[in-house]
Amino acid sequence: MAGKYPGKPGLSRLDLSPLQLVDQPRPDFIDEITTYESCLGHGSFGVVLKVKISKDMYAMKFILPNQVLTDGQKRRELEIPRTLEMHDNIVNIHKSVEKKVLSISQVKQILALSPPTI
């Protein structure tokens, strides 16, 4: 319901109580990282870090926020590894997340392991 602000003609306020927030950050596997181990590599899109989730080790690719990727580029980043044959030097994609907002602590840990050019 709209109401008037006292002493502010023309301004009204909305009662937002019945609205629900739908874009709240949701916890995902990135929030389950217990240790950022080391930098495995970097390229034009971002950096790949060795991370630990519980007792398991993973290679996790972080796309730099200044990289605006088209939907086709995002799809290729996920599809290319899936088309390759199994090999000791090729990792499988387990999960992906898009538009993740990282905490300051997460960003600091990622940058601490990233090369200075990132």
PDB file of N, CA and C in Angstrom:
ATOM      1  N   MET A   1       0.839  -1.172   0.000  1.00  0.00           N
ATOM      2  CA  MET A   1       0.000   0.000   0.000  1.00  0.00           C
ATOM      3  C   MET A   1       0.882   1.232   0.000  1.00  0.00           C
ATOM      4  N   ALA A   2       0.469   2.210  -0.745  1.00  0.00           N
ATOM      5  CA  ALA A   2       1.217   3.458  -0.799  1.00  0.00           C
ATOM      6  C   ALA A   2       0.695   4.382   0.272  1.00  0.00           C
ATOM      7  N   GLY A   3       1.577   5.141   0.855  1.00  0.00           N
ATOM      8  CA  GLY A   3       1.214   6.145   1.849  1.00  0.00           C
ATOM      9  C   GLY A   3       2.028   7.384   1.597  1.00  0.00           C
ATOM     10  N   LYS A   4       1.672   8.481   2.233  1.00  0.00           N
ATOM     11  CA  LYS A   4       2.397   9.741   2.057  1.00  0.00           C
ATOM     12  C   LYS A   4       3.407   9.913   3.176  1.00  0.00           C
ATOM     13  N   TYR A   5       4.583  10.445   2.806  1.00  0.00           N
ATOM     14  CA  TYR A   5       5.547  10.824   3.821  1.00  0.00           C
ATOM     15  C   TYR A   5       5.087  12.135   4.428  1.00  0.00           C
ATOM     16  N   PRO A   6       5.017  12.222   5.757  1.00  0.00           N
ATOM     17  CA  PRO A   6       4.604  13.483   6.370  1.00  0.00           C
ATOM     18  C   PRO A   6       5.607  14.582   6.049  1.00  0.00           C
ATOM     19  N   GLY A   7       5.098  15.713   5.655  1.00  0.00           N
ATOM     20  CA  GLY A   7       5.951  16.869   5.371  1.00  0.00           C
ATOM     21  C   GLY A   7       6.652  16.801   4.029  1.00  0.00           C
ATOM     22  N   LYS A   8       6.401  15.810   3.221  1.00  0.00           N
ATOM     23  CA  LYS A   8       7.037  15.664   1.904  1.00  0.00           C
ATOM     24  C   LYS A   8       5.948  15.530   0.851  1.00  0.00           C
ATOM     25  N   PRO A   9       5.374  16.643   0.415  1.00  0.00           N
ATOM     26  CA  PRO A   9       4.298  16.547  -0.562  1.00  0.00           C
ATOM     27  C   PRO A   9       4.777  15.893  -1.856  1.00  0.00           C
ATOM     28  N   GLY A  10       3.950  15.058  -2.409  1.00  0.00           N
ATOM     29  CA  GLY A  10       4.264  14.400  -3.672  1.00  0.00           C
ATOM     30  C   GLY A  10       5.045  13.107  -3.525  1.00  0.00           C
ATOM     31  N   LEU A  11       5.673  12.874  -2.369  1.00  0.00           N
ATOM     32  CA  LEU A  11       6.421  11.635  -2.159  1.00  0.00           C
ATOM     33  C   LEU A  11       5.516  10.618  -1.481  1.00  0.00           C
ATOM     34  N   SER A  12       5.550   9.425  -1.962  1.00  0.00           N
ATOM     35  CA  SER A  12       4.780   8.366  -1.317  1.00  0.00           C
ATOM     36  C   SER A  12       5.712   7.211  -0.996  1.00  0.00           C
ATOM     37  N   ARG A  13       5.282   6.361  -0.120  1.00  0.00           N
ATOM     38  CA  ARG A  13       6.094   5.203   0.259  1.00  0.00           C
ATOM     39  C   ARG A  13       5.296   3.946  -0.016  1.00  0.00           C
ATOM     40  N   LEU A  14       6.005   2.889  -0.213  1.00  0.00           N
ATOM     41  CA  LEU A  14       5.360   1.605  -0.464  1.00  0.00           C
ATOM     42  C   LEU A  14       5.568   0.694   0.728  1.00  0.00           C
ATOM     43  N   ASP A  15       4.567  -0.080   1.048  1.00  0.00           N
ATOM     44  CA  ASP A  15       4.701  -1.107   2.067  1.00  0.00           C
ATOM     45  C   ASP A  15       5.247  -2.349   1.377  1.00  0.00           C
ATOM     46  N   LEU A  16       6.496  -2.683   1.654  1.00  0.00           N
ATOM     47  CA  LEU A  16       7.157  -3.792   0.973  1.00  0.00           C
ATOM     48  C   LEU A  16       7.049  -5.111   1.733  1.00  0.00           C
ATOM     49  N   SER A  17       6.327  -5.113   2.845  1.00  0.00           N
ATOM     50  CA  SER A  17       6.285  -6.316   3.675  1.00  0.00           C
ATOM     51  C   SER A  17       5.770  -7.560   2.961  1.00  0.00           C
ATOM     52  N   PRO A  18       4.799  -7.481   2.044  1.00  0.00           N
ATOM     53  CA  PRO A  18       4.358  -8.725   1.414  1.00  0.00           C
ATOM     54  C   PRO A  18       5.297  -9.239   0.325  1.00  0.00           C
ATOM     55  N   LEU A  19       6.307  -8.466  -0.064  1.00  0.00           N
ATOM     56  CA  LEU A  19       7.218  -8.888  -1.131  1.00  0.00           C
ATOM     57  C   LEU A  19       8.257  -9.858  -0.591  1.00  0.00           C
ATOM     58  N   GLN A  20       8.656 -10.786  -1.420  1.00  0.00           N
ATOM     59  CA  GLN A  20       9.717 -11.715  -1.064  1.00  0.00           C
ATOM     60  C   GLN A  20      10.917 -11.451  -1.964  1.00  0.00           C
ATOM     61  N   LEU A  21      12.097 -11.506  -1.386  1.00  0.00           N
ATOM     62  CA  LEU A  21      13.314 -11.338  -2.171  1.00  0.00           C
ATOM     63  C   LEU A  21      13.604 -12.636  -2.911  1.00  0.00           C
ATOM     64  N   VAL A  22      13.826 -12.541  -4.203  1.00  0.00           N
ATOM     65  CA  VAL A  22      14.094 -13.742  -4.992  1.00  0.00           C
ATOM     66  C   VAL A  22      15.545 -13.834  -5.444  1.00  0.00           C
ATOM     67  N   ASP A  23      16.296 -12.752  -5.365  1.00  0.00           N
ATOM     68  CA  ASP A  23      17.673 -12.760  -5.842  1.00  0.00           C
ATOM     69  C   ASP A  23      18.674 -12.809  -4.699  1.00  0.00           C
ATOM     70  N   GLN A  24      18.302 -13.409  -3.591  1.00  0.00           N
ATOM     71  CA  GLN A  24      19.242 -13.539  -2.492  1.00  0.00           C
ATOM     72  C   GLN A  24      20.293 -14.576  -2.867  1.00  0.00           C
ATOM     73  N   PRO A  25      21.555 -14.332  -2.468  1.00  0.00           N
ATOM     74  CA  PRO A  25      22.586 -15.326  -2.768  1.00  0.00           C
ATOM     75  C   PRO A  25      22.236 -16.665  -2.127  1.00  0.00           C
ATOM     76  N   ARG A  26      22.410 -17.728  -2.879  1.00  0.00           N
ATOM     77  CA  ARG A  26      22.144 -19.070  -2.359  1.00  0.00           C
ATOM     78  C   ARG A  26      23.470 -19.795  -2.196  1.00  0.00           C
ATOM     79  N   PRO A  27      23.643 -20.492  -1.089  1.00  0.00           N
ATOM     80  CA  PRO A  27      24.885 -21.251  -0.914  1.00  0.00           C
ATOM     81  C   PRO A  27      25.017 -22.307  -2.009  1.00  0.00           C
ATOM     82  N   ASP A  28      26.237 -22.519  -2.459  1.00  0.00           N
ATOM     83  CA  ASP A  28      26.507 -23.553  -3.451  1.00  0.00           C
ATOM     84  C   ASP A  28      27.858 -24.179  -3.146  1.00  0.00           C
ATOM     85  N   PHE A  29      28.350 -25.010  -4.046  1.00  0.00           N
ATOM     86  CA  PHE A  29      29.585 -25.743  -3.792  1.00  0.00           C
ATOM     87  C   PHE A  29      30.783 -24.825  -3.574  1.00  0.00           C
ATOM     88  N   ILE A  30      30.776 -23.623  -4.106  1.00  0.00           N
ATOM     89  CA  ILE A  30      31.897 -22.704  -3.890  1.00  0.00           C
ATOM     90  C   ILE A  30      31.983 -22.322  -2.414  1.00  0.00           C
ATOM     91  N   ASP A  31      30.833 -22.221  -1.759  1.00  0.00           N
ATOM     92  CA  ASP A  31      30.815 -21.900  -0.332  1.00  0.00           C
ATOM     93  C   ASP A  31      31.290 -23.072   0.523  1.00  0.00           C
ATOM     94  N   GLU A  32      31.428 -24.252  -0.070  1.00  0.00           N
ATOM     95  CA  GLU A  32      31.888 -25.437   0.655  1.00  0.00           C
ATOM     96  C   GLU A  32      33.402 -25.625   0.567  1.00  0.00           C
ATOM     97  N   ILE A  33      34.097 -24.736  -0.165  1.00  0.00           N
ATOM     98  CA  ILE A  33      35.554 -24.851  -0.284  1.00  0.00           C
ATOM     99  C   ILE A  33      36.170 -24.666   1.094  1.00  0.00           C
ATOM    100  N   THR A  34      36.982 -25.636   1.504  1.00  0.00           N
ATOM    101  CA  THR A  34      37.638 -25.527   2.804  1.00  0.00           C
ATOM    102  C   THR A  34      39.044 -24.949   2.682  1.00  0.00           C
ATOM    103  N   THR A  35      39.697 -25.170   1.536  1.00  0.00           N
ATOM    104  CA  THR A  35      41.060 -24.670   1.343  1.00  0.00           C
ATOM    105  C   THR A  35      41.297 -24.323  -0.122  1.00  0.00           C
ATOM    106  N   TYR A  36      41.917 -23.175  -0.340  1.00  0.00           N
ATOM    107  CA  TYR A  36      42.425 -22.810  -1.666  1.00  0.00           C
ATOM    108  C   TYR A  36      43.897 -23.203  -1.647  1.00  0.00           C
ATOM    109  N   GLU A  37      44.257 -24.257  -2.394  1.00  0.00           N
ATOM    110  CA  GLU A  37      45.595 -24.844  -2.302  1.00  0.00           C
ATOM    111  C   GLU A  37      46.652 -24.110  -3.121  1.00  0.00           C
ATOM    112  N   SER A  38      46.421 -23.994  -4.435  1.00  0.00           N
ATOM    113  CA  SER A  38      47.445 -23.410  -5.307  1.00  0.00           C
ATOM    114  C   SER A  38      46.833 -23.017  -6.642  1.00  0.00           C
ATOM    115  N   CYS A  39      47.599 -22.248  -7.410  1.00  0.00           N
ATOM    116  CA  CYS A  39      47.181 -21.860  -8.757  1.00  0.00           C
ATOM    117  C   CYS A  39      47.666 -22.934  -9.727  1.00  0.00           C
ATOM    118  N   LEU A  40      46.733 -23.495 -10.496  1.00  0.00           N
ATOM    119  CA  LEU A  40      47.089 -24.514 -11.486  1.00  0.00           C
ATOM    120  C   LEU A  40      47.370 -23.909 -12.855  1.00  0.00           C
ATOM    121  N   GLY A  41      46.825 -22.726 -13.100  1.00  0.00           N
ATOM    122  CA  GLY A  41      47.034 -22.079 -14.388  1.00  0.00           C
ATOM    123  C   GLY A  41      46.129 -20.878 -14.547  1.00  0.00           C
ATOM    124  N   HIS A  42      46.384 -20.130 -15.603  1.00  0.00           N
ATOM    125  CA  HIS A  42      45.554 -18.960 -15.885  1.00  0.00           C
ATOM    126  C   HIS A  42      45.566 -18.705 -17.377  1.00  0.00           C
ATOM    127  N   GLY A  43      44.563 -17.988 -17.818  1.00  0.00           N
ATOM    128  CA  GLY A  43      44.450 -17.678 -19.234  1.00  0.00           C
ATOM    129  C   GLY A  43      43.651 -16.410 -19.426  1.00  0.00           C
ATOM    130  N   SER A  44      43.173 -16.211 -20.635  1.00  0.00           N
ATOM    131  CA  SER A  44      42.481 -14.960 -20.946  1.00  0.00           C
ATOM    132  C   SER A  44      41.137 -14.838 -20.235  1.00  0.00           C
ATOM    133  N   PHE A  45      40.500 -15.963 -19.897  1.00  0.00           N
ATOM    134  CA  PHE A  45      39.194 -15.898 -19.243  1.00  0.00           C
ATOM    135  C   PHE A  45      39.285 -15.828 -17.727  1.00  0.00           C
ATOM    136  N   GLY A  46      40.335 -16.375 -17.132  1.00  0.00           N
ATOM    137  CA  GLY A  46      40.389 -16.394 -15.674  1.00  0.00           C
ATOM    138  C   GLY A  46      41.538 -17.215 -15.144  1.00  0.00           C
ATOM    139  N   VAL A  47      41.319 -17.766 -13.960  1.00  0.00           N
ATOM    140  CA  VAL A  47      42.354 -18.507 -13.253  1.00  0.00           C
ATOM    141  C   VAL A  47      41.774 -19.852 -12.797  1.00  0.00           C
ATOM    142  N   VAL A  48      42.637 -20.887 -12.791  1.00  0.00           N
ATOM    143  CA  VAL A  48      42.241 -22.210 -12.311  1.00  0.00           C
ATOM    144  C   VAL A  48      43.024 -22.488 -11.033  1.00  0.00           C
ATOM    145  N   LEU A  49      42.293 -22.762  -9.964  1.00  0.00           N
ATOM    146  CA  LEU A  49      42.912 -23.025  -8.671  1.00  0.00           C
ATOM    147  C   LEU A  49      42.633 -24.452  -8.230  1.00  0.00           C
ATOM    148  N   LYS A  50      43.582 -25.000  -7.495  1.00  0.00           N
ATOM    149  CA  LYS A  50      43.382 -26.289  -6.846  1.00  0.00           C
ATOM    150  C   LYS A  50      42.706 -25.996  -5.514  1.00  0.00           C
ATOM    151  N   VAL A  51      41.508 -26.575  -5.311  1.00  0.00           N
ATOM    152  CA  VAL A  51      40.752 -26.311  -4.082  1.00  0.00           C
ATOM    153  C   VAL A  51      40.381 -27.623  -3.409  1.00  0.00           C
ATOM    154  N   LYS A  52      40.116 -27.519  -2.128  1.00  0.00           N
ATOM    155  CA  LYS A  52      39.707 -28.682  -1.349  1.00  0.00           C
ATOM    156  C   LYS A  52      38.290 -28.452  -0.842  1.00  0.00           C
ATOM    157  N   ILE A  53      37.409 -29.422  -1.101  1.00  0.00           N
ATOM    158  CA  ILE A  53      36.049 -29.412  -0.568  1.00  0.00           C
ATOM    159  C   ILE A  53      35.921 -30.698   0.230  1.00  0.00           C
ATOM    160  N   SER A  54      35.732 -30.563   1.534  1.00  0.00           N
ATOM    161  CA  SER A  54      35.795 -31.702   2.466  1.00  0.00           C
ATOM    162  C   SER A  54      37.164 -32.345   2.319  1.00  0.00           C
ATOM    163  N   LYS A  55      37.209 -33.598   1.897  1.00  0.00           N
ATOM    164  CA  LYS A  55      38.499 -34.284   1.747  1.00  0.00           C
ATOM    165  C   LYS A  55      38.903 -34.432   0.289  1.00  0.00           C
ATOM    166  N   ASP A  56      38.069 -33.934  -0.618  1.00  0.00           N
ATOM    167  CA  ASP A  56      38.314 -34.107  -2.053  1.00  0.00           C
ATOM    168  C   ASP A  56      38.969 -32.871  -2.661  1.00  0.00           C
ATOM    169  N   MET A  57      39.873 -33.108  -3.623  1.00  0.00           N
ATOM    170  CA  MET A  57      40.551 -32.022  -4.323  1.00  0.00           C
ATOM    171  C   MET A  57      39.880 -31.798  -5.677  1.00  0.00           C
ATOM    172  N   TYR A  58      39.777 -30.526  -6.075  1.00  0.00           N
ATOM    173  CA  TYR A  58      39.167 -30.153  -7.348  1.00  0.00           C
ATOM    174  C   TYR A  58      39.997 -29.066  -8.009  1.00  0.00           C
ATOM    175  N   ALA A  59      39.915 -28.995  -9.326  1.00  0.00           N
ATOM    176  CA  ALA A  59      40.425 -27.852 -10.075  1.00  0.00           C
ATOM    177  C   ALA A  59      39.213 -26.966 -10.334  1.00  0.00           C
ATOM    178  N   MET A  60      39.281 -25.715  -9.895  1.00  0.00           N
ATOM    179  CA  MET A  60      38.140 -24.819 -10.042  1.00  0.00           C
ATOM    180  C   MET A  60      38.540 -23.608 -10.872  1.00  0.00           C
ATOM    181  N   LYS A  61      37.786 -23.374 -11.934  1.00  0.00           N
ATOM    182  CA  LYS A  61      38.063 -22.249 -12.823  1.00  0.00           C
ATOM    183  C   LYS A  61      37.184 -21.072 -12.419  1.00  0.00           C
ATOM    184  N   PHE A  62      37.822 -19.945 -12.186  1.00  0.00           N
ATOM    185  CA  PHE A  62      37.117 -18.707 -11.876  1.00  0.00           C
ATOM    186  C   PHE A  62      37.238 -17.788 -13.083  1.00  0.00           C
ATOM    187  N   ILE A  63      36.115 -17.421 -13.665  1.00  0.00           N
ATOM    188  CA  ILE A  63      36.100 -16.499 -14.801  1.00  0.00           C
ATOM    189  C   ILE A  63      36.193 -15.083 -14.247  1.00  0.00           C
ATOM    190  N   LEU A  64      37.090 -14.297 -14.808  1.00  0.00           N
ATOM    191  CA  LEU A  64      37.262 -12.921 -14.341  1.00  0.00           C
ATOM    192  C   LEU A  64      36.012 -12.092 -14.623  1.00  0.00           C
ATOM    193  N   PRO A  65      35.620 -11.234 -13.669  1.00  0.00           N
ATOM    194  CA  PRO A  65      34.397 -10.445 -13.868  1.00  0.00           C
ATOM    195  C   PRO A  65      34.503  -9.434 -15.003  1.00  0.00           C
ATOM    196  N   ASN A  66      35.722  -9.079 -15.406  1.00  0.00           N
ATOM    197  CA  ASN A  66      35.859  -8.122 -16.509  1.00  0.00           C
ATOM    198  C   ASN A  66      35.729  -8.808 -17.867  1.00  0.00           C
ATOM    199  N   GLN A  67      35.559 -10.117 -17.868  1.00  0.00           N
ATOM    200  CA  GLN A  67      35.376 -10.864 -19.108  1.00  0.00           C
ATOM    201  C   GLN A  67      33.883 -11.026 -19.375  1.00  0.00           C
ATOM    202  N   VAL A  68      33.405 -10.392 -20.403  1.00  0.00           N
ATOM    203  CA  VAL A  68      32.006 -10.531 -20.782  1.00  0.00           C
ATOM    204  C   VAL A  68      31.937 -11.628 -21.838  1.00  0.00           C
ATOM    205  N   LEU A  69      31.447 -12.770 -21.424  1.00  0.00           N
ATOM    206  CA  LEU A  69      31.376 -13.912 -22.327  1.00  0.00           C
ATOM    207  C   LEU A  69      29.984 -14.021 -22.923  1.00  0.00           C
ATOM    208  N   THR A  70      29.946 -14.343 -24.188  1.00  0.00           N
ATOM    209  CA  THR A  70      28.652 -14.588 -24.827  1.00  0.00           C
ATOM    210  C   THR A  70      28.128 -15.935 -24.334  1.00  0.00           C
ATOM    211  N   ASP A  71      26.855 -16.179 -24.557  1.00  0.00           N
ATOM    212  CA  ASP A  71      26.292 -17.475 -24.175  1.00  0.00           C
ATOM    213  C   ASP A  71      27.021 -18.609 -24.887  1.00  0.00           C
ATOM    214  N   GLY A  72      27.410 -18.384 -26.140  1.00  0.00           N
ATOM    215  CA  GLY A  72      28.143 -19.394 -26.897  1.00  0.00           C
ATOM    216  C   GLY A  72      29.502 -19.697 -26.284  1.00  0.00           C
ATOM    217  N   GLN A  73      30.213 -18.661 -25.840  1.00  0.00           N
ATOM    218  CA  GLN A  73      31.515 -18.868 -25.204  1.00  0.00           C
ATOM    219  C   GLN A  73      31.361 -19.631 -23.891  1.00  0.00           C
ATOM    220  N   LYS A  74      30.351 -19.284 -23.110  1.00  0.00           N
ATOM    221  CA  LYS A  74      30.108 -19.997 -21.851  1.00  0.00           C
ATOM    222  C   LYS A  74      29.815 -21.467 -22.120  1.00  0.00           C
ATOM    223  N   ARG A  75      28.977 -21.711 -23.107  1.00  0.00           N
ATOM    224  CA  ARG A  75      28.607 -23.081 -23.456  1.00  0.00           C
ATOM    225  C   ARG A  75      29.844 -23.874 -23.894  1.00  0.00           C
ATOM    226  N   ARG A  76      30.711 -23.242 -24.717  1.00  0.00           N
ATOM    227  CA  ARG A  76      31.934 -23.919 -25.177  1.00  0.00           C
ATOM    228  C   ARG A  76      32.867 -24.242 -24.010  1.00  0.00           C
ATOM    229  N   GLU A  77      32.978 -23.313 -23.057  1.00  0.00           N
ATOM    230  CA  GLU A  77      33.837 -23.547 -21.890  1.00  0.00           C
ATOM    231  C   GLU A  77      33.402 -24.796 -21.129  1.00  0.00           C
ATOM    232  N   LEU A  78      32.109 -25.086 -21.136  1.00  0.00           N
ATOM    233  CA  LEU A  78      31.595 -26.276 -20.454  1.00  0.00           C
ATOM    234  C   LEU A  78      31.587 -27.511 -21.351  1.00  0.00           C
ATOM    235  N   GLU A  79      31.321 -27.331 -22.638  1.00  0.00           N
ATOM    236  CA  GLU A  79      31.148 -28.475 -23.538  1.00  0.00           C
ATOM    237  C   GLU A  79      32.459 -29.098 -24.007  1.00  0.00           C
ATOM    238  N   ILE A  80      33.476 -28.296 -24.256  1.00  0.00           N
ATOM    239  CA  ILE A  80      34.729 -28.833 -24.804  1.00  0.00           C
ATOM    240  C   ILE A  80      35.312 -29.931 -23.911  1.00  0.00           C
ATOM    241  N   PRO A  81      35.473 -29.710 -22.604  1.00  0.00           N
ATOM    242  CA  PRO A  81      36.029 -30.803 -21.785  1.00  0.00           C
ATOM    243  C   PRO A  81      35.149 -32.051 -21.771  1.00  0.00           C
ATOM    244  N   ARG A  82      33.857 -31.878 -21.922  1.00  0.00           N
ATOM    245  CA  ARG A  82      32.948 -33.034 -21.909  1.00  0.00           C
ATOM    246  C   ARG A  82      33.084 -33.896 -23.162  1.00  0.00           C
ATOM    247  N   THR A  83      33.574 -33.317 -24.255  1.00  0.00           N
ATOM    248  CA  THR A  83      33.700 -34.073 -25.505  1.00  0.00           C
ATOM    249  C   THR A  83      35.017 -34.838 -25.591  1.00  0.00           C
ATOM    250  N   LEU A  84      35.953 -34.545 -24.697  1.00  0.00           N
ATOM    251  CA  LEU A  84      37.266 -35.189 -24.740  1.00  0.00           C
ATOM    252  C   LEU A  84      37.218 -36.574 -24.100  1.00  0.00           C
ATOM    253  N   GLU A  85      38.061 -37.468 -24.597  1.00  0.00           N
ATOM    254  CA  GLU A  85      38.156 -38.805 -24.018  1.00  0.00           C
ATOM    255  C   GLU A  85      38.807 -38.730 -22.642  1.00  0.00           C
ATOM    256  N   MET A  86      38.509 -39.724 -21.816  1.00  0.00           N
ATOM    257  CA  MET A  86      39.100 -39.793 -20.475  1.00  0.00           C
ATOM    258  C   MET A  86      40.624 -39.853 -20.589  1.00  0.00           C
ATOM    259  N   HIS A  87      41.297 -39.087 -19.729  1.00  0.00           N
ATOM    260  CA  HIS A  87      42.755 -39.071 -19.712  1.00  0.00           C
ATOM    261  C   HIS A  87      43.188 -38.572 -18.342  1.00  0.00           C
ATOM    262  N   ASP A  88      44.351 -39.023 -17.884  1.00  0.00           N
ATOM    263  CA  ASP A  88      44.847 -38.612 -16.567  1.00  0.00           C
ATOM    264  C   ASP A  88      45.052 -37.103 -16.458  1.00  0.00           C
ATOM    265  N   ASN A  89      45.335 -36.443 -17.574  1.00  0.00           N
ATOM    266  CA  ASN A  89      45.614 -35.007 -17.550  1.00  0.00           C
ATOM    267  C   ASN A  89      44.398 -34.144 -17.872  1.00  0.00           C
ATOM    268  N   ILE A  90      43.238 -34.754 -17.988  1.00  0.00           N
ATOM    269  CA  ILE A  90      42.012 -33.998 -18.278  1.00  0.00           C
ATOM    270  C   ILE A  90      41.046 -34.189 -17.118  1.00  0.00           C
ATOM    271  N   VAL A  91      40.568 -33.088 -16.587  1.00  0.00           N
ATOM    272  CA  VAL A  91      39.628 -33.169 -15.460  1.00  0.00           C
ATOM    273  C   VAL A  91      38.193 -33.173 -15.972  1.00  0.00           C
ATOM    274  N   ASN A  92      37.326 -33.788 -15.214  1.00  0.00           N
ATOM    275  CA  ASN A  92      35.900 -33.797 -15.532  1.00  0.00           C
ATOM    276  C   ASN A  92      35.231 -32.579 -14.910  1.00  0.00           C
ATOM    277  N   ILE A  93      34.195 -32.098 -15.549  1.00  0.00           N
ATOM    278  CA  ILE A  93      33.411 -31.007 -14.974  1.00  0.00           C
ATOM    279  C   ILE A  93      32.343 -31.631 -14.087  1.00  0.00           C
ATOM    280  N   HIS A  94      32.360 -31.256 -12.813  1.00  0.00           N
ATOM    281  CA  HIS A  94      31.379 -31.791 -11.870  1.00  0.00           C
ATOM    282  C   HIS A  94      30.179 -30.866 -11.738  1.00  0.00           C
ATOM    283  N   LYS A  95      30.453 -29.570 -11.591  1.00  0.00           N
ATOM    284  CA  LYS A  95      29.384 -28.592 -11.381  1.00  0.00           C
ATOM    285  C   LYS A  95      29.820 -27.257 -11.957  1.00  0.00           C
ATOM    286  N   SER A  96      28.836 -26.393 -12.176  1.00  0.00           N
ATOM    287  CA  SER A  96      29.147 -25.021 -12.585  1.00  0.00           C
ATOM    288  C   SER A  96      28.126 -24.096 -11.939  1.00  0.00           C
ATOM    289  N   VAL A  97      28.527 -22.856 -11.794  1.00  0.00           N
ATOM    290  CA  VAL A  97      27.642 -21.841 -11.236  1.00  0.00           C
ATOM    291  C   VAL A  97      27.897 -20.554 -11.999  1.00  0.00           C
ATOM    292  N   GLU A  98      26.857 -19.784 -12.192  1.00  0.00           N
ATOM    293  CA  GLU A  98      26.966 -18.543 -12.950  1.00  0.00           C
ATOM    294  C   GLU A  98      26.545 -17.378 -12.065  1.00  0.00           C
ATOM    295  N   LYS A  99      27.208 -16.253 -12.254  1.00  0.00           N
ATOM    296  CA  LYS A  99      26.880 -15.013 -11.543  1.00  0.00           C
ATOM    297  C   LYS A  99      26.970 -15.174 -10.032  1.00  0.00           C
ATOM    298  N   LYS A 100      28.034 -15.754  -9.566  1.00  0.00           N
ATOM    299  CA  LYS A 100      28.264 -15.953  -8.140  1.00  0.00           C
ATOM    300  C   LYS A 100      28.843 -14.686  -7.543  1.00  0.00           C
ATOM    301  N   VAL A 101      28.297 -14.245  -6.435  1.00  0.00           N
ATOM    302  CA  VAL A 101      28.850 -13.118  -5.694  1.00  0.00           C
ATOM    303  C   VAL A 101      29.734 -13.707  -4.603  1.00  0.00           C
ATOM    304  N   LEU A 102      31.033 -13.423  -4.686  1.00  0.00           N
ATOM    305  CA  LEU A 102      31.985 -13.958  -3.723  1.00  0.00           C
ATOM    306  C   LEU A 102      32.117 -13.027  -2.533  1.00  0.00           C
ATOM    307  N   SER A 103      32.431 -13.596  -1.386  1.00  0.00           N
ATOM    308  CA  SER A 103      32.689 -12.784  -0.202  1.00  0.00           C
ATOM    309  C   SER A 103      34.071 -12.146  -0.338  1.00  0.00           C
ATOM    310  N   ILE A 104      34.341 -11.150   0.466  1.00  0.00           N
ATOM    311  CA  ILE A 104      35.656 -10.498   0.449  1.00  0.00           C
ATOM    312  C   ILE A 104      36.738 -11.518   0.790  1.00  0.00           C
ATOM    313  N   SER A 105      36.462 -12.382   1.747  1.00  0.00           N
ATOM    314  CA  SER A 105      37.418 -13.415   2.135  1.00  0.00           C
ATOM    315  C   SER A 105      37.728 -14.351   0.967  1.00  0.00           C
ATOM    316  N   GLN A 106      36.702 -14.757   0.225  1.00  0.00           N
ATOM    317  CA  GLN A 106      36.913 -15.637  -0.929  1.00  0.00           C
ATOM    318  C   GLN A 106      37.758 -14.941  -1.992  1.00  0.00           C
ATOM    319  N   VAL A 107      37.458 -13.687  -2.275  1.00  0.00           N
ATOM    320  CA  VAL A 107      38.215 -12.931  -3.285  1.00  0.00           C
ATOM    321  C   VAL A 107      39.676 -12.808  -2.867  1.00  0.00           C
ATOM    322  N   LYS A 108      39.930 -12.503  -1.591  1.00  0.00           N
ATOM    323  CA  LYS A 108      41.306 -12.365  -1.108  1.00  0.00           C
ATOM    324  C   LYS A 108      42.082 -13.670  -1.267  1.00  0.00           C
ATOM    325  N   GLN A 109      41.436 -14.797  -0.954  1.00  0.00           N
ATOM    326  CA  GLN A 109      42.110 -16.090  -1.081  1.00  0.00           C
ATOM    327  C   GLN A 109      42.414 -16.416  -2.540  1.00  0.00           C
ATOM    328  N   ILE A 110      41.491 -16.104  -3.423  1.00  0.00           N
ATOM    329  CA  ILE A 110      41.693 -16.356  -4.854  1.00  0.00           C
ATOM    330  C   ILE A 110      42.820 -15.481  -5.386  1.00  0.00           C
ATOM    331  N   LEU A 111      42.799 -14.195  -5.052  1.00  0.00           N
ATOM    332  CA  LEU A 111      43.827 -13.276  -5.542  1.00  0.00           C
ATOM    333  C   LEU A 111      45.200 -13.591  -4.965  1.00  0.00           C
ATOM    334  N   ALA A 112      45.244 -14.086  -3.737  1.00  0.00           N
ATOM    335  CA  ALA A 112      46.530 -14.423  -3.114  1.00  0.00           C
ATOM    336  C   ALA A 112      47.247 -15.527  -3.888  1.00  0.00           C
ATOM    337  N   LEU A 113      46.500 -16.415  -4.523  1.00  0.00           N
ATOM    338  CA  LEU A 113      47.102 -17.521  -5.278  1.00  0.00           C
ATOM    339  C   LEU A 113      47.237 -17.228  -6.767  1.00  0.00           C
ATOM    340  N   SER A 114      46.605 -16.158  -7.221  1.00  0.00           N
ATOM    341  CA  SER A 114      46.603 -15.834  -8.652  1.00  0.00           C
ATOM    342  C   SER A 114      47.878 -15.108  -9.048  1.00  0.00           C
ATOM    343  N   PRO A 115      48.302 -15.258 -10.300  1.00  0.00           N
ATOM    344  CA  PRO A 115      49.480 -14.526 -10.773  1.00  0.00           C
ATOM    345  C   PRO A 115      49.214 -13.024 -10.760  1.00  0.00           C
ATOM    346  N   PRO A 116      50.260 -12.216 -10.648  1.00  0.00           N
ATOM    347  CA  PRO A 116      50.078 -10.762 -10.561  1.00  0.00           C
ATOM    348  C   PRO A 116      49.403 -10.143 -11.779  1.00  0.00           C
ATOM    349  N   THR A 117      49.390 -10.839 -12.895  1.00  0.00           N
ATOM    350  CA  THR A 117      48.780 -10.274 -14.105  1.00  0.00           C
ATOM    351  C   THR A 117      47.263 -10.362 -14.091  1.00  0.00           C
ATOM    352  N   ILE A 118      46.686 -11.093 -13.149  1.00  0.00           N
ATOM    353  CA  ILE A 118      45.223 -11.254 -13.081  1.00  0.00           C
ATOM    354  C   ILE A 118      44.613 -10.010 -12.479  1.00  0.00           C
TER     355      ILE A 118
END
